[in-house]
Amino acid sequence: MRKWWIYLLLILLVLFVIGPFIWMLSSSVKPEGEVLSQVPHLFPSHFEWGNYVAAWKSAPFGHYFLNSFLISAAETLFDLTFGAMAAFAFARIEFVGRRVIFVILLATMMVPGEVLLIPNYITLTNLNWINTYQGLIVPWMVSVFTIFLMRQFFLSMPQDLFDAAEVDGCHPMRTLFGIVMPLAKPIWITAGLIKFVGSWNAFLWVMIVANSPNLYTLPVGLVNFSSNVGTVYNQLMAAATFSVVPLIVLFLVGQRYFIEGVARSGIR
């Protein structure tokens, strides 16, 4: 009976989590008058698949998709590269103050991101990077969480592997990218998924830095779309639906590595 109560609680939690998503899918194919009806219905009276076409044509979503992909891919690539190098140094290279520096680095994760908005904005203003791609990408090229995640895995690898690489004359960079990273596939896929999803969903920073619609990503584009068309909710839900499809596909493809990476990095 205890297991049944646990399963029941988990089912309720799942319904609570996926409820908004199901409602978004349902509203995306409803006629306009049924979305805000006084008596809500989960299923539409008839399916309006044209909502997706109308939403796509109402705003330059193709450009928004391209910006989101370029910015997210660039941030993820730099984050995995620099994160792996820093994690390898903290895990396998002895230097003075290694533990102190790592603790200070971890402490920065406790600082809310909103606190950094003004200093970062002032820095970008002095660099003339406002309303540029580098202004959107450079401040987020390194993630402390990625460093922590990879360091935990690197510490769990056998020391004999690194000793053999050193005996063979491998430089630390060659050891990292030639030996360690191929063995750490679940970890860098996990870190890449987390970083890519975070970059894809980023809203506040893009809203502040990007003054031109040419630099808008999907989250900002959805807000702009809602303002321009006067919030036609069925089209807005359709736009929100096809904006999350790439993330769903990406997670389904890397799901096995994501779970394995979290388990093997020591985060339970």
C-alpha atoms as a PDB file:
ATOM      1  CA  MET A   1       0.000   0.000   0.000  1.00  0.00           C
ATOM      2  CA  ARG A   2       2.879   2.346   0.679  1.00  0.00           C
ATOM      3  CA  LYS A   3       4.128   1.906  -2.870  1.00  0.00           C
ATOM      4  CA  TRP A   4       0.665   2.626  -4.244  1.00  0.00           C
ATOM      5  CA  TRP A   5       0.542   5.903  -2.329  1.00  0.00           C
ATOM      6  CA  ILE A   6       3.970   6.813  -3.685  1.00  0.00           C
ATOM      7  CA  TYR A   7       2.894   6.015  -7.240  1.00  0.00           C
ATOM      8  CA  LEU A   8      -0.294   8.027  -6.795  1.00  0.00           C
ATOM      9  CA  LEU A   9       1.679  11.015  -5.543  1.00  0.00           C
ATOM     10  CA  LEU A  10       4.105  10.750  -8.472  1.00  0.00           C
ATOM     11  CA  ILE A  11       1.225  10.565 -10.958  1.00  0.00           C
ATOM     12  CA  LEU A  12      -0.319  13.696  -9.449  1.00  0.00           C
ATOM     13  CA  LEU A  13       3.017  15.491  -9.652  1.00  0.00           C
ATOM     14  CA  VAL A  14       3.431  14.463 -13.292  1.00  0.00           C
ATOM     15  CA  LEU A  15      -0.052  15.737 -14.127  1.00  0.00           C
ATOM     16  CA  PHE A  16       0.726  18.993 -12.333  1.00  0.00           C
ATOM     17  CA  VAL A  17       3.931  19.417 -14.365  1.00  0.00           C
ATOM     18  CA  ILE A  18       2.608  18.472 -17.806  1.00  0.00           C
ATOM     19  CA  GLY A  19      -0.789  20.140 -17.313  1.00  0.00           C
ATOM     20  CA  PRO A  20       0.272  23.548 -18.683  1.00  0.00           C
ATOM     21  CA  PHE A  21       2.030  21.865 -21.599  1.00  0.00           C
ATOM     22  CA  ILE A  22      -1.093  19.854 -22.510  1.00  0.00           C
ATOM     23  CA  TRP A  23      -3.204  23.004 -22.238  1.00  0.00           C
ATOM     24  CA  MET A  24      -0.772  24.818 -24.544  1.00  0.00           C
ATOM     25  CA  LEU A  25      -1.057  22.059 -27.141  1.00  0.00           C
ATOM     26  CA  SER A  26      -4.830  22.037 -26.865  1.00  0.00           C
ATOM     27  CA  SER A  27      -5.132  25.838 -27.128  1.00  0.00           C
ATOM     28  CA  SER A  28      -2.822  25.932 -30.142  1.00  0.00           C
ATOM     29  CA  VAL A  29      -5.421  24.094 -32.280  1.00  0.00           C
ATOM     30  CA  LYS A  30      -8.567  25.710 -30.882  1.00  0.00           C
ATOM     31  CA  PRO A  31     -10.655  28.314 -32.711  1.00  0.00           C
ATOM     32  CA  GLU A  32     -10.029  31.816 -31.393  1.00  0.00           C
ATOM     33  CA  GLY A  33     -13.343  32.049 -29.519  1.00  0.00           C
ATOM     34  CA  GLU A  34     -12.817  28.825 -27.550  1.00  0.00           C
ATOM     35  CA  VAL A  35      -9.488  29.694 -25.910  1.00  0.00           C
ATOM     36  CA  LEU A  36     -10.994  32.184 -23.435  1.00  0.00           C
ATOM     37  CA  SER A  37     -14.475  30.685 -23.173  1.00  0.00           C
ATOM     38  CA  GLN A  38     -16.216  30.901 -19.792  1.00  0.00           C
ATOM     39  CA  VAL A  39     -16.456  27.117 -19.644  1.00  0.00           C
ATOM     40  CA  PRO A  40     -12.983  25.808 -20.550  1.00  0.00           C
ATOM     41  CA  HIS A  41     -12.705  22.659 -22.651  1.00  0.00           C
ATOM     42  CA  LEU A  42      -9.592  20.568 -22.966  1.00  0.00           C
ATOM     43  CA  PHE A  43     -10.404  19.421 -26.493  1.00  0.00           C
ATOM     44  CA  PRO A  44     -11.453  21.862 -29.232  1.00  0.00           C
ATOM     45  CA  SER A  45     -14.736  21.544 -31.096  1.00  0.00           C
ATOM     46  CA  HIS A  46     -12.657  21.261 -34.275  1.00  0.00           C
ATOM     47  CA  PHE A  47      -8.948  21.423 -34.905  1.00  0.00           C
ATOM     48  CA  GLU A  48      -7.588  24.666 -36.353  1.00  0.00           C
ATOM     49  CA  TRP A  49      -4.228  23.550 -37.749  1.00  0.00           C
ATOM     50  CA  GLY A  50      -4.015  26.843 -39.605  1.00  0.00           C
ATOM     51  CA  ASN A  51      -3.089  28.529 -36.330  1.00  0.00           C
ATOM     52  CA  TYR A  52       0.478  27.335 -36.799  1.00  0.00           C
ATOM     53  CA  VAL A  53       0.710  28.748 -40.310  1.00  0.00           C
ATOM     54  CA  ALA A  54      -0.888  32.036 -39.256  1.00  0.00           C
ATOM     55  CA  ALA A  55       1.444  32.377 -36.273  1.00  0.00           C
ATOM     56  CA  TRP A  56       4.526  31.638 -38.386  1.00  0.00           C
ATOM     57  CA  LYS A  57       3.540  34.265 -40.948  1.00  0.00           C
ATOM     58  CA  SER A  58       2.647  36.895 -38.337  1.00  0.00           C
ATOM     59  CA  ALA A  59       6.262  37.378 -37.191  1.00  0.00           C
ATOM     60  CA  PRO A  60       9.769  36.536 -38.497  1.00  0.00           C
ATOM     61  CA  PHE A  61      10.009  33.323 -36.509  1.00  0.00           C
ATOM     62  CA  GLY A  62      12.524  31.888 -38.958  1.00  0.00           C
ATOM     63  CA  HIS A  63      14.928  34.666 -38.008  1.00  0.00           C
ATOM     64  CA  TYR A  64      14.163  34.175 -34.318  1.00  0.00           C
ATOM     65  CA  PHE A  65      14.918  30.455 -34.655  1.00  0.00           C
ATOM     66  CA  LEU A  66      18.215  31.216 -36.399  1.00  0.00           C
ATOM     67  CA  ASN A  67      19.292  33.684 -33.704  1.00  0.00           C
ATOM     68  CA  SER A  68      18.352  31.284 -30.913  1.00  0.00           C
ATOM     69  CA  PHE A  69      20.256  28.441 -32.538  1.00  0.00           C
ATOM     70  CA  LEU A  70      23.392  30.478 -33.294  1.00  0.00           C
ATOM     71  CA  ILE A  71      23.573  32.046 -29.830  1.00  0.00           C
ATOM     72  CA  SER A  72      22.771  28.815 -27.971  1.00  0.00           C
ATOM     73  CA  ALA A  73      25.186  26.741 -30.051  1.00  0.00           C
ATOM     74  CA  ALA A  74      28.017  29.266 -29.649  1.00  0.00           C
ATOM     75  CA  GLU A  75      27.523  29.562 -25.895  1.00  0.00           C
ATOM     76  CA  THR A  76      27.348  25.775 -25.516  1.00  0.00           C
ATOM     77  CA  LEU A  77      30.495  25.182 -27.581  1.00  0.00           C
ATOM     78  CA  PHE A  78      32.552  27.752 -25.680  1.00  0.00           C
ATOM     79  CA  ASP A  79      31.158  26.603 -22.340  1.00  0.00           C
ATOM     80  CA  LEU A  80      32.070  22.962 -22.948  1.00  0.00           C
ATOM     81  CA  THR A  81      35.562  23.886 -24.149  1.00  0.00           C
ATOM     82  CA  PHE A  82      36.476  26.314 -21.373  1.00  0.00           C
ATOM     83  CA  GLY A  83      34.579  24.310 -18.756  1.00  0.00           C
ATOM     84  CA  ALA A  84      36.490  21.126 -19.613  1.00  0.00           C
ATOM     85  CA  MET A  85      39.831  22.941 -19.436  1.00  0.00           C
ATOM     86  CA  ALA A  86      39.038  24.529 -16.064  1.00  0.00           C
ATOM     87  CA  ALA A  87      37.592  21.299 -14.660  1.00  0.00           C
ATOM     88  CA  PHE A  88      40.665  19.341 -15.730  1.00  0.00           C
ATOM     89  CA  ALA A  89      42.927  21.887 -14.063  1.00  0.00           C
ATOM     90  CA  PHE A  90      40.963  21.773 -10.799  1.00  0.00           C
ATOM     91  CA  ALA A  91      40.777  17.976 -10.822  1.00  0.00           C
ATOM     92  CA  ARG A  92      44.145  16.801 -12.091  1.00  0.00           C
ATOM     93  CA  ILE A  93      46.707  19.627 -12.048  1.00  0.00           C
ATOM     94  CA  GLU A  94      48.366  20.602  -8.795  1.00  0.00           C
ATOM     95  CA  PHE A  95      48.856  24.338  -8.269  1.00  0.00           C
ATOM     96  CA  VAL A  96      48.909  26.701  -5.304  1.00  0.00           C
ATOM     97  CA  GLY A  97      45.463  27.703  -4.035  1.00  0.00           C
ATOM     98  CA  ARG A  98      43.581  25.190  -6.173  1.00  0.00           C
ATOM     99  CA  ARG A  99      40.979  24.336  -3.547  1.00  0.00           C
ATOM    100  CA  VAL A 100      40.512  27.938  -2.411  1.00  0.00           C
ATOM    101  CA  ILE A 101      39.965  29.175  -5.953  1.00  0.00           C
ATOM    102  CA  PHE A 102      37.498  26.388  -6.653  1.00  0.00           C
ATOM    103  CA  VAL A 103      35.501  27.172  -3.502  1.00  0.00           C
ATOM    104  CA  ILE A 104      35.384  30.858  -4.460  1.00  0.00           C
ATOM    105  CA  LEU A 105      34.237  29.834  -7.929  1.00  0.00           C
ATOM    106  CA  LEU A 106      31.450  27.720  -6.474  1.00  0.00           C
ATOM    107  CA  ALA A 107      30.422  30.597  -4.226  1.00  0.00           C
ATOM    108  CA  THR A 108      29.613  32.687  -7.306  1.00  0.00           C
ATOM    109  CA  MET A 109      26.741  30.280  -8.029  1.00  0.00           C
ATOM    110  CA  MET A 110      24.977  31.706  -4.987  1.00  0.00           C
ATOM    111  CA  VAL A 111      24.889  35.202  -6.500  1.00  0.00           C
ATOM    112  CA  PRO A 112      21.549  35.844  -8.273  1.00  0.00           C
ATOM    113  CA  GLY A 113      21.951  36.534 -11.962  1.00  0.00           C
ATOM    114  CA  GLU A 114      19.870  39.703 -11.683  1.00  0.00           C
ATOM    115  CA  VAL A 115      22.571  41.260  -9.478  1.00  0.00           C
ATOM    116  CA  LEU A 116      25.053  40.993 -12.344  1.00  0.00           C
ATOM    117  CA  LEU A 117      22.854  42.633 -14.964  1.00  0.00           C
ATOM    118  CA  ILE A 118      23.899  46.229 -14.284  1.00  0.00           C
ATOM    119  CA  PRO A 119      27.686  45.581 -14.014  1.00  0.00           C
ATOM    120  CA  ASN A 120      27.620  43.440 -17.155  1.00  0.00           C
ATOM    121  CA  TYR A 121      25.572  46.035 -19.010  1.00  0.00           C
ATOM    122  CA  ILE A 122      28.024  48.807 -18.045  1.00  0.00           C
ATOM    123  CA  THR A 123      30.925  46.631 -19.196  1.00  0.00           C
ATOM    124  CA  LEU A 124      29.298  45.951 -22.567  1.00  0.00           C
ATOM    125  CA  THR A 125      28.488  49.646 -22.964  1.00  0.00           C
ATOM    126  CA  ASN A 126      32.154  50.538 -22.493  1.00  0.00           C
ATOM    127  CA  LEU A 127      33.076  47.894 -25.061  1.00  0.00           C
ATOM    128  CA  ASN A 128      30.400  49.130 -27.517  1.00  0.00           C
ATOM    129  CA  TRP A 129      28.902  45.644 -27.532  1.00  0.00           C
ATOM    130  CA  ILE A 130      25.296  46.633 -26.913  1.00  0.00           C
ATOM    131  CA  ASN A 131      22.985  45.309 -29.637  1.00  0.00           C
ATOM    132  CA  THR A 132      25.635  42.909 -30.963  1.00  0.00           C
ATOM    133  CA  TYR A 133      25.990  39.149 -31.083  1.00  0.00           C
ATOM    134  CA  GLN A 134      29.160  39.234 -28.978  1.00  0.00           C
ATOM    135  CA  GLY A 135      27.249  41.112 -26.293  1.00  0.00           C
ATOM    136  CA  LEU A 136      24.715  38.299 -26.191  1.00  0.00           C
ATOM    137  CA  ILE A 137      27.258  35.469 -26.241  1.00  0.00           C
ATOM    138  CA  VAL A 138      30.495  36.466 -24.484  1.00  0.00           C
ATOM    139  CA  PRO A 139      29.152  37.038 -20.918  1.00  0.00           C
ATOM    140  CA  TRP A 140      27.770  33.486 -20.865  1.00  0.00           C
ATOM    141  CA  MET A 141      30.630  31.547 -22.450  1.00  0.00           C
ATOM    142  CA  VAL A 142      31.617  29.953 -19.122  1.00  0.00           C
ATOM    143  CA  SER A 143      29.365  28.253 -16.590  1.00  0.00           C
ATOM    144  CA  VAL A 144      30.515  27.394 -13.070  1.00  0.00           C
ATOM    145  CA  PHE A 145      28.035  24.531 -12.993  1.00  0.00           C
ATOM    146  CA  THR A 146      29.667  22.984 -16.070  1.00  0.00           C
ATOM    147  CA  ILE A 147      33.078  23.228 -14.405  1.00  0.00           C
ATOM    148  CA  PHE A 148      31.720  21.604 -11.250  1.00  0.00           C
ATOM    149  CA  LEU A 149      29.954  18.836 -13.177  1.00  0.00           C
ATOM    150  CA  MET A 150      33.020  17.915 -15.226  1.00  0.00           C
ATOM    151  CA  ARG A 151      35.392  18.186 -12.289  1.00  0.00           C
ATOM    152  CA  GLN A 152      33.348  15.649 -10.334  1.00  0.00           C
ATOM    153  CA  PHE A 153      33.642  13.178 -13.186  1.00  0.00           C
ATOM    154  CA  PHE A 154      37.342  13.808 -13.779  1.00  0.00           C
ATOM    155  CA  LEU A 155      38.016  13.113 -10.095  1.00  0.00           C
ATOM    156  CA  SER A 156      36.296   9.726 -10.409  1.00  0.00           C
ATOM    157  CA  MET A 157      38.546   8.587 -13.275  1.00  0.00           C
ATOM    158  CA  PRO A 158      41.409   6.207 -12.338  1.00  0.00           C
ATOM    159  CA  GLN A 159      44.756   7.863 -11.740  1.00  0.00           C
ATOM    160  CA  ASP A 160      46.495   5.084 -13.710  1.00  0.00           C
ATOM    161  CA  LEU A 161      44.962   6.534 -16.891  1.00  0.00           C
ATOM    162  CA  PHE A 162      46.649   9.891 -16.334  1.00  0.00           C
ATOM    163  CA  ASP A 163      49.915   8.289 -15.258  1.00  0.00           C
ATOM    164  CA  ALA A 164      50.014   6.257 -18.472  1.00  0.00           C
ATOM    165  CA  ALA A 165      49.336   9.376 -20.551  1.00  0.00           C
ATOM    166  CA  GLU A 166      52.143  11.216 -18.752  1.00  0.00           C
ATOM    167  CA  VAL A 167      54.561   8.329 -19.304  1.00  0.00           C
ATOM    168  CA  ASP A 168      53.716   8.374 -23.015  1.00  0.00           C
ATOM    169  CA  GLY A 169      54.608  12.068 -23.107  1.00  0.00           C
ATOM    170  CA  CYS A 170      51.105  13.498 -23.517  1.00  0.00           C
ATOM    171  CA  HIS A 171      50.716  17.201 -22.873  1.00  0.00           C
ATOM    172  CA  PRO A 172      47.837  18.019 -20.477  1.00  0.00           C
ATOM    173  CA  MET A 173      45.811  19.496 -23.355  1.00  0.00           C
ATOM    174  CA  ARG A 174      46.292  16.344 -25.394  1.00  0.00           C
ATOM    175  CA  THR A 175      45.387  14.214 -22.378  1.00  0.00           C
ATOM    176  CA  LEU A 176      42.209  16.213 -21.893  1.00  0.00           C
ATOM    177  CA  PHE A 177      40.922  16.306 -25.456  1.00  0.00           C
ATOM    178  CA  GLY A 178      42.436  13.075 -26.724  1.00  0.00           C
ATOM    179  CA  ILE A 179      41.841  10.741 -23.801  1.00  0.00           C
ATOM    180  CA  VAL A 180      39.571  12.217 -21.141  1.00  0.00           C
ATOM    181  CA  MET A 181      36.866  13.871 -23.234  1.00  0.00           C
ATOM    182  CA  PRO A 182      36.096  10.777 -25.365  1.00  0.00           C
ATOM    183  CA  LEU A 183      35.581   8.859 -22.110  1.00  0.00           C
ATOM    184  CA  ALA A 184      33.451  11.664 -20.653  1.00  0.00           C
ATOM    185  CA  LYS A 185      30.790  11.614 -23.362  1.00  0.00           C
ATOM    186  CA  PRO A 186      27.800  11.392 -20.942  1.00  0.00           C
ATOM    187  CA  ILE A 187      29.136  14.334 -18.932  1.00  0.00           C
ATOM    188  CA  TRP A 188      29.686  16.780 -21.760  1.00  0.00           C
ATOM    189  CA  ILE A 189      26.377  15.804 -23.358  1.00  0.00           C
ATOM    190  CA  THR A 190      24.663  16.456 -20.015  1.00  0.00           C
ATOM    191  CA  ALA A 191      26.425  19.793 -19.562  1.00  0.00           C
ATOM    192  CA  GLY A 192      25.728  20.696 -23.181  1.00  0.00           C
ATOM    193  CA  LEU A 193      22.018  19.941 -22.833  1.00  0.00           C
ATOM    194  CA  ILE A 194      21.712  22.041 -19.687  1.00  0.00           C
ATOM    195  CA  LYS A 195      23.611  24.944 -21.232  1.00  0.00           C
ATOM    196  CA  PHE A 196      21.773  24.805 -24.555  1.00  0.00           C
ATOM    197  CA  VAL A 197      18.343  24.745 -22.926  1.00  0.00           C
ATOM    198  CA  GLY A 198      19.290  27.620 -20.630  1.00  0.00           C
ATOM    199  CA  SER A 199      20.569  29.697 -23.543  1.00  0.00           C
ATOM    200  CA  TRP A 200      17.553  28.862 -25.689  1.00  0.00           C
ATOM    201  CA  ASN A 201      15.166  30.025 -22.953  1.00  0.00           C
ATOM    202  CA  ALA A 202      17.144  33.135 -21.987  1.00  0.00           C
ATOM    203  CA  PHE A 203      14.887  36.176 -21.961  1.00  0.00           C
ATOM    204  CA  LEU A 204      15.956  38.997 -19.661  1.00  0.00           C
ATOM    205  CA  TRP A 205      19.512  39.425 -20.945  1.00  0.00           C
ATOM    206  CA  VAL A 206      18.426  39.373 -24.587  1.00  0.00           C
ATOM    207  CA  MET A 207      15.682  41.873 -23.825  1.00  0.00           C
ATOM    208  CA  ILE A 208      18.215  44.244 -22.257  1.00  0.00           C
ATOM    209  CA  VAL A 209      21.073  43.941 -24.753  1.00  0.00           C
ATOM    210  CA  ALA A 210      19.204  43.497 -28.050  1.00  0.00           C
ATOM    211  CA  ASN A 211      17.635  46.755 -29.191  1.00  0.00           C
ATOM    212  CA  SER A 212      17.003  45.568 -32.728  1.00  0.00           C
ATOM    213  CA  PRO A 213      14.473  42.909 -33.806  1.00  0.00           C
ATOM    214  CA  ASN A 214      17.252  41.430 -35.939  1.00  0.00           C
ATOM    215  CA  LEU A 215      18.875  40.112 -32.738  1.00  0.00           C
ATOM    216  CA  TYR A 216      15.719  38.851 -31.028  1.00  0.00           C
ATOM    217  CA  THR A 217      15.616  35.221 -29.968  1.00  0.00           C
ATOM    218  CA  LEU A 218      12.480  33.115 -29.620  1.00  0.00           C
ATOM    219  CA  PRO A 219      11.510  34.094 -26.038  1.00  0.00           C
ATOM    220  CA  VAL A 220      11.771  37.803 -26.836  1.00  0.00           C
ATOM    221  CA  GLY A 221      10.170  37.212 -30.211  1.00  0.00           C
ATOM    222  CA  LEU A 222       7.163  35.579 -28.553  1.00  0.00           C
ATOM    223  CA  VAL A 223       6.637  38.647 -26.362  1.00  0.00           C
ATOM    224  CA  ASN A 224       7.040  40.916 -29.360  1.00  0.00           C
ATOM    225  CA  PHE A 225       4.629  38.739 -31.348  1.00  0.00           C
ATOM    226  CA  SER A 226       2.064  38.967 -28.574  1.00  0.00           C
ATOM    227  CA  SER A 227       2.326  42.765 -28.543  1.00  0.00           C
ATOM    228  CA  ASN A 228       2.150  43.190 -32.298  1.00  0.00           C
ATOM    229  CA  VAL A 229      -0.878  41.000 -32.958  1.00  0.00           C
ATOM    230  CA  GLY A 230      -2.730  42.025 -29.786  1.00  0.00           C
ATOM    231  CA  THR A 231      -2.393  38.624 -28.094  1.00  0.00           C
ATOM    232  CA  VAL A 232      -4.339  36.211 -30.254  1.00  0.00           C
ATOM    233  CA  TYR A 233      -4.018  33.382 -27.765  1.00  0.00           C
ATOM    234  CA  ASN A 234      -4.490  30.419 -30.077  1.00  0.00           C
ATOM    235  CA  GLN A 235      -1.734  31.718 -32.373  1.00  0.00           C
ATOM    236  CA  LEU A 236       0.442  32.580 -29.368  1.00  0.00           C
ATOM    237  CA  MET A 237       0.074  29.017 -28.076  1.00  0.00           C
ATOM    238  CA  ALA A 238       0.902  27.689 -31.542  1.00  0.00           C
ATOM    239  CA  ALA A 239       4.045  29.843 -31.626  1.00  0.00           C
ATOM    240  CA  ALA A 240       5.017  28.689 -28.136  1.00  0.00           C
ATOM    241  CA  THR A 241       4.518  25.069 -29.203  1.00  0.00           C
ATOM    242  CA  PHE A 242       6.822  25.106 -32.197  1.00  0.00           C
ATOM    243  CA  SER A 243       9.389  27.114 -30.210  1.00  0.00           C
ATOM    244  CA  VAL A 244       9.841  24.258 -27.686  1.00  0.00           C
ATOM    245  CA  VAL A 245       9.879  21.435 -30.239  1.00  0.00           C
ATOM    246  CA  PRO A 246      13.693  21.645 -30.813  1.00  0.00           C
ATOM    247  CA  LEU A 247      14.319  21.351 -27.071  1.00  0.00           C
ATOM    248  CA  ILE A 248      12.048  18.315 -26.782  1.00  0.00           C
ATOM    249  CA  VAL A 249      13.781  16.593 -29.703  1.00  0.00           C
ATOM    250  CA  LEU A 250      17.211  17.457 -28.301  1.00  0.00           C
ATOM    251  CA  PHE A 251      16.351  16.061 -24.881  1.00  0.00           C
ATOM    252  CA  LEU A 252      14.844  12.865 -26.294  1.00  0.00           C
ATOM    253  CA  VAL A 253      17.972  12.262 -28.357  1.00  0.00           C
ATOM    254  CA  GLY A 254      20.322  12.818 -25.411  1.00  0.00           C
ATOM    255  CA  GLN A 255      18.098  11.507 -22.624  1.00  0.00           C
ATOM    256  CA  ARG A 256      20.111   8.340 -22.002  1.00  0.00           C
ATOM    257  CA  TYR A 257      23.377  10.262 -21.768  1.00  0.00           C
ATOM    258  CA  PHE A 258      21.754  12.948 -19.625  1.00  0.00           C
ATOM    259  CA  ILE A 259      20.643  10.469 -16.963  1.00  0.00           C
ATOM    260  CA  GLU A 260      23.948   8.610 -17.105  1.00  0.00           C
ATOM    261  CA  GLY A 261      25.922  11.840 -16.861  1.00  0.00           C
ATOM    262  CA  VAL A 262      24.084  13.059 -13.786  1.00  0.00           C
ATOM    263  CA  ALA A 263      24.520   9.669 -12.092  1.00  0.00           C
ATOM    264  CA  ARG A 264      28.201   9.309 -12.893  1.00  0.00           C
ATOM    265  CA  SER A 265      29.136  12.854 -11.850  1.00  0.00           C
ATOM    266  CA  GLY A 266      28.139  12.176  -8.234  1.00  0.00           C
ATOM    267  CA  ILE A 267      25.028  14.391  -8.235  1.00  0.00           C
ATOM    268  CA  ARG A 268      22.205  12.311  -6.777  1.00  0.00           C
END
